[in-house]
N, C-alpha and C. Protein backbone atom coordinates (compact mmCIF):
# COMPACT_ATOMS: atom_id res chain seq x y z
N MET A 1 -44.49 -65.40 158.38
CA MET A 1 -43.99 -66.47 159.60
C MET A 1 -42.83 -67.58 158.35
N SER A 2 -41.78 -67.35 157.91
CA SER A 2 -40.53 -67.89 157.28
C SER A 2 -40.70 -69.00 157.20
N GLU A 3 -40.37 -69.89 156.29
CA GLU A 3 -40.51 -71.40 155.43
C GLU A 3 -39.02 -71.42 155.26
N ILE A 4 -38.81 -72.41 156.17
CA ILE A 4 -37.10 -73.03 156.06
C ILE A 4 -37.57 -73.98 154.60
N VAL A 5 -36.33 -73.84 153.81
CA VAL A 5 -36.48 -74.80 152.55
C VAL A 5 -34.98 -75.22 152.34
N LYS A 6 -34.93 -76.95 152.12
CA LYS A 6 -34.02 -76.95 151.99
C LYS A 6 -33.33 -77.00 150.45
N VAL A 7 -31.89 -76.79 150.67
CA VAL A 7 -30.82 -76.59 149.00
C VAL A 7 -30.02 -77.56 149.39
N THR A 8 -29.48 -77.49 148.24
CA THR A 8 -28.38 -78.49 148.02
C THR A 8 -27.51 -77.27 147.22
N ILE A 9 -26.82 -76.98 148.27
CA ILE A 9 -25.05 -76.12 147.34
C ILE A 9 -23.96 -76.70 147.44
N SER A 10 -22.80 -76.72 145.46
CA SER A 10 -21.51 -76.84 146.01
C SER A 10 -20.82 -75.45 146.78
N LEU A 11 -19.80 -76.31 147.50
CA LEU A 11 -18.96 -74.98 147.56
C LEU A 11 -17.40 -75.25 147.81
N HIS A 12 -16.65 -74.18 147.73
CA HIS A 12 -15.27 -74.72 147.25
C HIS A 12 -15.29 -75.23 148.93
N ARG A 13 -13.58 -76.45 148.53
CA ARG A 13 -13.33 -76.94 150.14
C ARG A 13 -12.96 -75.58 151.45
N ASN A 14 -12.46 -74.44 151.05
CA ASN A 14 -12.18 -73.03 151.78
C ASN A 14 -13.52 -72.81 152.22
N LEU A 15 -14.20 -72.95 151.06
CA LEU A 15 -15.82 -72.06 152.20
C LEU A 15 -16.30 -72.98 152.81
N ILE A 16 -16.08 -74.38 152.56
CA ILE A 16 -16.96 -74.89 153.81
C ILE A 16 -15.99 -75.16 155.09
N SER A 17 -14.59 -74.75 155.04
CA SER A 17 -13.89 -75.21 156.71
C SER A 17 -14.55 -73.75 156.61
N LEU A 18 -14.63 -72.81 155.59
CA LEU A 18 -14.86 -71.46 156.98
C LEU A 18 -15.98 -71.95 157.83
N ALA A 19 -17.06 -72.50 156.98
CA ALA A 19 -18.42 -72.48 157.70
C ALA A 19 -18.30 -73.34 158.88
N ASP A 20 -17.63 -74.44 158.46
CA ASP A 20 -17.31 -75.11 159.30
C ASP A 20 -16.64 -74.09 161.07
N MET A 21 -15.80 -73.77 160.63
CA MET A 21 -15.77 -72.74 161.96
C MET A 21 -16.17 -71.72 162.49
N LEU A 22 -17.33 -71.10 161.30
CA LEU A 22 -18.58 -70.37 161.82
C LEU A 22 -19.13 -70.49 162.35
N ALA A 23 -19.88 -72.24 162.59
CA ALA A 23 -20.55 -72.49 163.48
C ALA A 23 -20.05 -72.92 164.51
N ARG A 24 -19.10 -73.55 164.45
CA ARG A 24 -18.18 -73.28 165.58
C ARG A 24 -18.33 -72.09 166.91
N GLU A 25 -17.91 -70.94 166.35
CA GLU A 25 -17.77 -69.95 167.01
C GLU A 25 -19.08 -69.77 167.23
N ARG A 26 -20.21 -69.79 166.67
CA ARG A 26 -21.75 -69.95 166.29
C ARG A 26 -22.81 -70.38 167.24
N ASN A 27 -21.90 -71.21 168.11
CA ASN A 27 -22.84 -73.07 168.12
C ASN A 27 -24.17 -73.27 167.50
N THR A 28 -23.15 -73.44 166.52
CA THR A 28 -24.84 -73.35 164.84
C THR A 28 -24.19 -74.81 164.20
N SER A 29 -25.13 -75.45 163.61
CA SER A 29 -24.47 -76.02 162.20
C SER A 29 -24.08 -74.88 161.55
N ARG A 30 -23.35 -76.19 160.12
CA ARG A 30 -23.40 -75.25 159.20
C ARG A 30 -24.54 -74.79 158.31
N SER A 31 -25.27 -75.04 158.48
CA SER A 31 -26.66 -74.53 157.55
C SER A 31 -26.60 -73.26 158.25
N GLY A 32 -26.36 -73.30 159.62
CA GLY A 32 -26.80 -71.95 160.69
C GLY A 32 -25.62 -71.21 160.62
N ALA A 33 -24.41 -71.38 160.44
CA ALA A 33 -23.55 -70.28 160.22
C ALA A 33 -23.63 -69.38 158.83
N ILE A 34 -24.28 -70.30 157.32
CA ILE A 34 -24.16 -69.98 156.00
C ILE A 34 -25.42 -69.24 156.06
N ALA A 35 -26.57 -69.50 156.72
CA ALA A 35 -27.82 -68.51 157.06
C ALA A 35 -27.53 -67.43 157.70
N ILE A 36 -27.00 -67.37 158.96
CA ILE A 36 -26.52 -66.21 159.16
C ILE A 36 -25.59 -65.47 159.00
N VAL A 37 -24.47 -65.97 158.47
CA VAL A 37 -23.85 -65.15 157.48
C VAL A 37 -24.67 -64.79 155.88
N LEU A 38 -25.78 -65.28 155.02
CA LEU A 38 -26.23 -64.37 154.41
C LEU A 38 -27.09 -63.32 155.27
N GLN A 39 -27.81 -63.28 156.34
CA GLN A 39 -28.81 -62.14 157.40
C GLN A 39 -28.29 -61.57 157.05
N GLU A 40 -26.65 -61.53 157.39
CA GLU A 40 -25.83 -59.91 157.58
C GLU A 40 -25.63 -60.06 156.82
N LEU A 41 -25.19 -60.62 155.86
CA LEU A 41 -25.02 -59.46 154.52
C LEU A 41 -26.70 -58.99 153.85
N ALA A 42 -27.54 -59.48 153.74
CA ALA A 42 -29.11 -58.59 153.80
C ALA A 42 -28.75 -57.77 154.37
N GLU A 43 -28.93 -58.02 155.59
CA GLU A 43 -28.75 -56.79 156.33
C GLU A 43 -27.93 -55.34 156.49
N GLU A 44 -26.63 -55.82 155.97
CA GLU A 44 -25.28 -54.63 155.35
C GLU A 44 -26.01 -54.05 153.53
N ARG A 45 -26.82 -54.83 152.94
CA ARG A 45 -26.79 -54.32 152.05
C ARG A 45 -28.13 -53.33 152.35
N GLU A 46 -29.00 -53.58 153.28
CA GLU A 46 -30.40 -52.40 153.84
C GLU A 46 -29.56 -51.36 153.87
N ARG A 47 -29.22 -51.82 155.28
CA ARG A 47 -28.35 -50.17 155.93
C ARG A 47 -27.62 -49.68 154.81
N LEU A 48 -26.69 -50.11 154.00
CA LEU A 48 -25.41 -48.78 152.86
C LEU A 48 -26.90 -48.53 152.23
N ALA A 49 -28.27 -49.48 151.65
CA ALA A 49 -29.63 -48.66 150.86
C ALA A 49 -29.92 -47.39 151.58
N MET A 50 -30.01 -47.74 152.48
CA MET A 50 -30.52 -46.55 153.40
C MET A 50 -30.25 -45.34 153.78
N ILE A 51 -28.73 -46.05 153.76
CA ILE A 51 -27.32 -44.64 153.96
C ILE A 51 -27.34 -43.67 152.60
N GLU A 52 -27.57 -44.63 151.94
CA GLU A 52 -27.77 -43.78 149.85
C GLU A 52 -28.73 -42.84 150.19
N GLY A 53 -29.83 -43.52 150.54
CA GLY A 53 -31.62 -42.42 150.44
C GLY A 53 -31.30 -41.50 150.95
N TYR A 54 -30.64 -41.63 152.64
CA TYR A 54 -31.10 -40.50 153.51
C TYR A 54 -30.27 -39.81 153.07
N LYS A 55 -28.58 -39.94 152.40
CA LYS A 55 -27.75 -38.85 151.86
C LYS A 55 -28.55 -37.99 150.44
N ALA A 56 -29.60 -39.31 149.98
CA ALA A 56 -29.62 -38.08 148.14
C ALA A 56 -31.36 -37.46 149.43
N MET A 57 -31.96 -37.50 150.22
CA MET A 57 -33.04 -36.75 150.98
C MET A 57 -32.21 -36.05 150.91
N ALA A 58 -31.38 -36.19 152.39
CA ALA A 58 -30.40 -34.71 152.65
C ALA A 58 -29.72 -33.81 151.40
N GLU A 59 -29.58 -33.97 150.05
CA GLU A 59 -29.27 -33.36 149.18
C GLU A 59 -30.76 -32.91 148.21
N GLN A 60 -31.44 -33.56 148.33
CA GLN A 60 -32.82 -32.59 148.02
C GLN A 60 -33.57 -31.86 148.89
N HIS A 61 -33.09 -31.82 150.29
CA HIS A 61 -33.75 -30.73 151.30
C HIS A 61 -33.15 -29.89 151.26
N ARG A 62 -31.56 -29.78 150.64
CA ARG A 62 -30.58 -28.72 150.76
C ARG A 62 -30.91 -27.80 149.82
N GLU A 63 -31.74 -28.50 148.80
CA GLU A 63 -32.00 -27.76 146.84
C GLU A 63 -33.33 -27.11 147.25
N PHE A 64 -34.18 -27.69 147.97
CA PHE A 64 -35.31 -27.25 148.69
C PHE A 64 -35.12 -26.16 149.40
N ALA A 65 -33.98 -25.58 149.80
CA ALA A 65 -33.62 -24.43 150.86
C ALA A 65 -33.26 -23.57 150.84
N ALA A 66 -32.55 -23.95 149.87
CA ALA A 66 -31.68 -23.27 149.36
C ALA A 66 -32.64 -21.90 147.74
N MET A 67 -33.53 -23.05 147.63
CA MET A 67 -34.66 -22.55 146.45
C MET A 67 -35.42 -22.21 147.14
N THR A 68 -36.35 -21.95 148.32
CA THR A 68 -36.96 -20.98 148.91
C THR A 68 -36.61 -20.46 150.37
N LEU A 69 -35.26 -20.54 150.50
CA LEU A 69 -34.96 -19.31 151.69
C LEU A 69 -34.68 -17.84 150.54
N PRO A 70 -34.69 -17.23 149.60
CA PRO A 70 -35.09 -16.06 149.17
C PRO A 70 -35.95 -15.74 149.23
N LEU A 71 -37.17 -16.81 149.63
CA LEU A 71 -39.11 -16.34 148.88
C LEU A 71 -38.99 -16.33 150.39
N ALA A 72 -38.60 -16.90 151.31
CA ALA A 72 -38.99 -16.54 153.10
C ALA A 72 -38.29 -15.69 153.65
N ASN A 73 -37.40 -15.42 152.59
CA ASN A 73 -36.86 -13.69 153.42
C ASN A 73 -37.55 -12.53 152.81
N GLU A 74 -38.16 -13.06 151.50
CA GLU A 74 -39.10 -11.62 151.18
C GLU A 74 -40.11 -11.52 151.34
N VAL A 75 -41.19 -12.78 152.22
CA VAL A 75 -42.26 -12.51 152.59
C VAL A 75 -42.34 -12.55 153.95
N LEU A 76 -40.41 -12.87 154.89
CA LEU A 76 -40.88 -12.83 155.93
C LEU A 76 -39.40 -12.33 156.73
N PRO A 77 -39.75 -11.29 155.83
CA PRO A 77 -38.54 -10.56 156.29
C PRO A 77 -38.02 -9.95 157.78
N GLU A 78 -38.67 -10.02 159.01
CA GLU A 78 -38.06 -10.42 160.05
C GLU A 78 -37.88 -11.70 160.52
N TRP A 79 -37.52 -12.71 160.34
CA TRP A 79 -37.22 -13.59 160.81
C TRP A 79 -35.32 -13.81 159.70
N LYS A 80 -34.86 -12.64 159.66
CA LYS A 80 -33.10 -12.39 158.70
C LYS A 80 -32.40 -12.90 159.99
């Protein structure tokens, strides 16, 4: 269960204007708009980390296939 914690932050006036604009667009409060933006940022960071992880896994799988294919061809020549 998530717990909402009240915090006080200082932001440049331009960022407050942006937060107010986003709040109006999304029909929420300033705090809600900031929370939405932070959640979207967290999701994007997770998505990018997953992309990097899958790329690394793909490279490992390519290396494994390159290593084992010659062995498989020796053991199972009919699969060529």
